[in-house]
């Protein structure tokens, strides 16, 4: 799938010049536009699901650190890279 540059989308009535259109990149058809919108929606849904999973994992890490004796603020502000380095020593 190819994505077109923003300059390719011209309002109706706009004169198409070599600078705005190339024969090897035709304007997308309505079906292509619909397909690109579906791809965009799918990417948004994946991003939403990943954000939810990251939030859940963050909460689980905070709960685990609190159970290990950390304060709630310390656990929420913990540097995961520092924790990983400390755990691998």
N, C-alpha and C. Protein backbone atom coordinates (compact mmCIF):
# COMPACT_ATOMS: atom_id res chain seq x y z
N UNK A 1 0.84 -1.18 0.00
CA UNK A 1 0.00 0.00 0.00
C UNK A 1 0.88 1.24 0.00
N UNK A 2 0.56 2.20 -0.86
CA UNK A 2 1.30 3.46 -0.90
C UNK A 2 0.44 4.56 -0.31
N UNK A 3 1.08 5.39 0.47
CA UNK A 3 0.38 6.57 0.98
C UNK A 3 0.79 7.76 0.14
N UNK A 4 -0.15 8.61 -0.17
CA UNK A 4 0.13 9.76 -1.01
C UNK A 4 0.47 10.96 -0.15
N UNK A 5 1.30 11.82 -0.70
CA UNK A 5 1.68 13.06 0.00
C UNK A 5 0.46 13.96 0.11
N UNK A 6 0.46 14.81 1.11
CA UNK A 6 -0.68 15.71 1.33
C UNK A 6 -0.92 16.61 0.12
N UNK A 7 0.13 16.93 -0.62
CA UNK A 7 -0.03 17.79 -1.80
C UNK A 7 -0.86 17.11 -2.88
N UNK A 8 -1.01 15.80 -2.82
CA UNK A 8 -1.79 15.09 -3.82
C UNK A 8 -3.28 15.34 -3.66
N UNK A 9 -3.72 15.68 -2.50
CA UNK A 9 -5.15 15.88 -2.26
C UNK A 9 -5.48 17.33 -2.57
N UNK A 10 -6.08 17.54 -3.73
CA UNK A 10 -6.39 18.89 -4.17
C UNK A 10 -7.90 19.12 -4.09
N UNK A 11 -8.32 20.31 -3.66
CA UNK A 11 -9.74 20.62 -3.65
C UNK A 11 -10.30 20.62 -5.07
N UNK A 12 -11.59 20.36 -5.21
CA UNK A 12 -12.22 20.39 -6.53
C UNK A 12 -12.02 21.76 -7.16
N UNK A 13 -11.77 21.74 -8.45
CA UNK A 13 -11.57 22.99 -9.17
C UNK A 13 -10.13 23.44 -9.19
N UNK A 14 -9.26 22.80 -8.42
CA UNK A 14 -7.85 23.15 -8.41
C UNK A 14 -7.20 22.61 -9.68
N UNK A 15 -6.43 23.45 -10.32
CA UNK A 15 -5.76 23.02 -11.54
C UNK A 15 -4.62 22.06 -11.16
N UNK A 16 -4.60 20.92 -11.83
CA UNK A 16 -3.56 19.94 -11.58
C UNK A 16 -2.38 20.25 -12.48
N UNK A 17 -1.23 20.47 -11.87
CA UNK A 17 -0.01 20.78 -12.62
C UNK A 17 1.01 19.67 -12.36
N UNK A 18 2.10 19.64 -13.12
CA UNK A 18 3.12 18.63 -12.86
C UNK A 18 3.65 18.66 -11.43
N UNK A 19 3.58 19.83 -10.79
CA UNK A 19 4.05 19.92 -9.41
C UNK A 19 3.08 19.26 -8.44
N UNK A 20 1.79 19.19 -8.80
CA UNK A 20 0.80 18.62 -7.89
C UNK A 20 0.36 17.22 -8.26
N UNK A 21 0.69 16.77 -9.47
CA UNK A 21 0.28 15.43 -9.88
C UNK A 21 1.37 14.81 -10.73
N UNK A 22 1.54 13.52 -10.56
CA UNK A 22 2.47 12.77 -11.40
C UNK A 22 1.72 11.58 -11.95
N UNK A 23 2.03 11.23 -13.17
CA UNK A 23 1.30 10.14 -13.80
C UNK A 23 1.56 8.81 -13.13
N UNK A 24 2.72 8.63 -12.50
CA UNK A 24 2.99 7.36 -11.83
C UNK A 24 2.32 7.26 -10.46
N UNK A 25 1.71 8.35 -10.00
CA UNK A 25 0.97 8.34 -8.74
C UNK A 25 -0.41 8.93 -8.96
N UNK A 26 -1.33 8.15 -9.48
CA UNK A 26 -2.67 8.69 -9.74
C UNK A 26 -3.39 9.03 -8.43
N UNK A 27 -4.37 9.89 -8.56
CA UNK A 27 -5.18 10.22 -7.38
C UNK A 27 -5.89 8.95 -6.90
N UNK A 28 -6.02 8.78 -5.60
CA UNK A 28 -6.69 7.59 -5.10
C UNK A 28 -8.18 7.60 -5.42
N UNK A 29 -8.69 6.43 -5.67
CA UNK A 29 -10.12 6.30 -5.94
C UNK A 29 -10.88 6.35 -4.61
N UNK A 30 -12.20 6.53 -4.67
CA UNK A 30 -12.98 6.50 -3.43
C UNK A 30 -12.78 5.18 -2.66
N UNK A 31 -12.62 4.07 -3.39
CA UNK A 31 -12.39 2.79 -2.72
C UNK A 31 -11.06 2.80 -1.98
N UNK A 32 -10.04 3.41 -2.60
CA UNK A 32 -8.73 3.50 -1.96
C UNK A 32 -8.81 4.40 -0.73
N UNK A 33 -9.53 5.51 -0.87
CA UNK A 33 -9.70 6.41 0.27
C UNK A 33 -10.38 5.69 1.42
N UNK A 34 -11.40 4.90 1.11
CA UNK A 34 -12.10 4.14 2.15
C UNK A 34 -11.15 3.13 2.79
N UNK A 35 -10.35 2.47 1.96
CA UNK A 35 -9.38 1.50 2.48
C UNK A 35 -8.38 2.17 3.41
N UNK A 36 -7.87 3.33 3.00
CA UNK A 36 -6.93 4.06 3.85
C UNK A 36 -7.57 4.47 5.17
N UNK A 37 -8.85 4.83 5.12
CA UNK A 37 -9.56 5.19 6.35
C UNK A 37 -9.69 3.96 7.26
N UNK A 38 -9.98 2.80 6.68
CA UNK A 38 -10.08 1.57 7.47
C UNK A 38 -8.74 1.23 8.10
N UNK A 39 -7.65 1.38 7.33
CA UNK A 39 -6.31 1.13 7.87
C UNK A 39 -6.03 2.08 9.03
N UNK A 40 -6.40 3.36 8.86
CA UNK A 40 -6.21 4.35 9.91
C UNK A 40 -7.00 3.97 11.16
N UNK A 41 -8.27 3.58 10.98
CA UNK A 41 -9.09 3.18 12.12
C UNK A 41 -8.48 1.98 12.84
N UNK A 42 -7.98 1.02 12.07
CA UNK A 42 -7.37 -0.17 12.67
C UNK A 42 -6.13 0.23 13.49
N UNK A 43 -5.31 1.13 12.94
CA UNK A 43 -4.12 1.59 13.66
C UNK A 43 -4.51 2.31 14.95
N UNK A 44 -5.57 3.10 14.89
CA UNK A 44 -6.05 3.80 16.10
C UNK A 44 -6.52 2.82 17.16
N UNK A 45 -7.22 1.78 16.73
CA UNK A 45 -7.70 0.77 17.68
C UNK A 45 -6.53 0.01 18.30
N UNK A 46 -5.53 -0.33 17.50
CA UNK A 46 -4.34 -1.00 18.06
C UNK A 46 -3.64 -0.10 19.07
N UNK A 47 -3.55 1.19 18.75
CA UNK A 47 -2.90 2.14 19.67
C UNK A 47 -3.69 2.23 20.97
N UNK A 48 -5.02 2.25 20.87
CA UNK A 48 -5.85 2.31 22.07
C UNK A 48 -5.64 1.07 22.93
N UNK A 49 -5.59 -0.11 22.30
CA UNK A 49 -5.40 -1.35 23.03
C UNK A 49 -4.02 -1.40 23.68
N UNK A 50 -2.99 -0.93 22.97
CA UNK A 50 -1.64 -0.90 23.54
C UNK A 50 -1.58 0.05 24.73
N UNK A 51 -2.23 1.20 24.62
CA UNK A 51 -2.25 2.16 25.73
C UNK A 51 -2.92 1.54 26.95
N UNK A 52 -3.99 0.79 26.74
CA UNK A 52 -4.67 0.12 27.84
C UNK A 52 -3.73 -0.90 28.49
N UNK A 53 -3.04 -1.71 27.66
CA UNK A 53 -2.13 -2.72 28.20
C UNK A 53 -0.98 -2.09 28.97
N UNK A 54 -0.43 -0.99 28.45
CA UNK A 54 0.66 -0.30 29.14
C UNK A 54 0.16 0.22 30.48
N UNK A 55 -1.04 0.78 30.51
CA UNK A 55 -1.61 1.27 31.77
C UNK A 55 -1.79 0.15 32.78
N UNK A 56 -2.28 -1.01 32.30
CA UNK A 56 -2.46 -2.16 33.20
C UNK A 56 -1.12 -2.64 33.75
N UNK A 57 -0.14 -2.75 32.89
CA UNK A 57 1.19 -3.21 33.33
C UNK A 57 1.82 -2.22 34.30
N UNK A 58 1.60 -0.94 34.05
CA UNK A 58 2.11 0.09 34.95
C UNK A 58 1.46 -0.04 36.33
N UNK A 59 0.15 -0.28 36.34
CA UNK A 59 -0.55 -0.45 37.62
C UNK A 59 -0.03 -1.68 38.35
N UNK A 60 0.19 -2.78 37.62
CA UNK A 60 0.69 -4.01 38.23
C UNK A 60 2.10 -3.80 38.80
N UNK A 61 2.94 -3.06 38.08
CA UNK A 61 4.29 -2.77 38.58
C UNK A 61 4.21 -1.92 39.84
N UNK A 62 3.34 -0.91 39.82
CA UNK A 62 3.18 -0.05 41.01
C UNK A 62 2.69 -0.88 42.20
N UNK A 63 1.73 -1.77 41.96
CA UNK A 63 1.23 -2.62 43.05
C UNK A 63 2.34 -3.54 43.59
N UNK A 64 3.15 -4.09 42.69
CA UNK A 64 4.23 -4.98 43.11
C UNK A 64 5.28 -4.22 43.92
N UNK A 65 5.60 -3.01 43.49
CA UNK A 65 6.59 -2.22 44.24
C UNK A 65 6.04 -1.82 45.60
N UNK A 66 4.76 -1.48 45.65
CA UNK A 66 4.14 -1.14 46.95
C UNK A 66 4.15 -2.36 47.87
N UNK A 67 3.90 -3.55 47.31
CA UNK A 67 3.94 -4.77 48.12
C UNK A 67 5.35 -5.07 48.61
N UNK A 68 6.36 -4.57 47.88
CA UNK A 68 7.74 -4.79 48.27
C UNK A 68 8.24 -3.73 49.25
N UNK A 69 7.34 -2.83 49.66
CA UNK A 69 7.70 -1.85 50.67
C UNK A 69 7.95 -0.45 50.15
N UNK A 70 7.76 -0.22 48.88
CA UNK A 70 7.93 1.12 48.33
C UNK A 70 6.71 1.96 48.68
N UNK A 71 6.89 3.26 48.78
CA UNK A 71 5.76 4.17 48.95
C UNK A 71 5.02 4.30 47.63
N UNK A 72 3.76 4.71 47.69
CA UNK A 72 2.94 4.82 46.47
C UNK A 72 3.54 5.83 45.49
N UNK A 73 3.98 6.99 45.99
CA UNK A 73 4.58 8.00 45.10
C UNK A 73 5.89 7.50 44.51
N UNK A 74 6.72 6.84 45.36
CA UNK A 74 7.98 6.29 44.86
C UNK A 74 7.73 5.25 43.77
N UNK A 75 6.74 4.40 43.99
CA UNK A 75 6.43 3.34 43.03
C UNK A 75 5.94 3.92 41.71
N UNK A 76 5.09 4.95 41.77
CA UNK A 76 4.58 5.56 40.54
C UNK A 76 5.68 6.29 39.77
N UNK A 77 6.66 6.83 40.48
CA UNK A 77 7.73 7.59 39.83
C UNK A 77 8.99 6.77 39.60
N UNK A 78 8.93 5.48 39.79
CA UNK A 78 10.11 4.63 39.63
C UNK A 78 10.59 4.64 38.17
N UNK A 79 11.91 4.61 38.02
CA UNK A 79 12.54 4.54 36.70
C UNK A 79 12.70 3.07 36.33
N UNK A 80 11.94 2.60 35.35
CA UNK A 80 11.97 1.17 35.00
C UNK A 80 13.33 0.75 34.47
N UNK A 81 14.06 1.65 33.82
CA UNK A 81 15.39 1.30 33.32
C UNK A 81 16.35 1.07 34.49
N UNK A 82 16.23 1.91 35.50
CA UNK A 82 17.07 1.75 36.70
C UNK A 82 16.70 0.45 37.43
N UNK A 83 15.42 0.14 37.52
CA UNK A 83 14.98 -1.10 38.15
C UNK A 83 15.52 -2.31 37.38
N UNK A 84 15.51 -2.24 36.06
CA UNK A 84 16.00 -3.36 35.25
C UNK A 84 17.50 -3.54 35.44
N UNK A 85 18.24 -2.43 35.50
CA UNK A 85 19.69 -2.53 35.73
C UNK A 85 19.98 -3.11 37.11
N UNK A 86 19.22 -2.70 38.11
CA UNK A 86 19.43 -3.19 39.47
C UNK A 86 19.08 -4.68 39.56
N UNK A 87 18.07 -5.11 38.80
CA UNK A 87 17.66 -6.51 38.82
C UNK A 87 18.63 -7.42 38.11
N UNK A 88 19.39 -6.90 37.15
CA UNK A 88 20.32 -7.74 36.39
C UNK A 88 21.68 -7.84 37.03
N UNK A 89 21.91 -7.16 38.11
CA UNK A 89 23.21 -7.20 38.81
C UNK A 89 23.32 -8.41 39.69
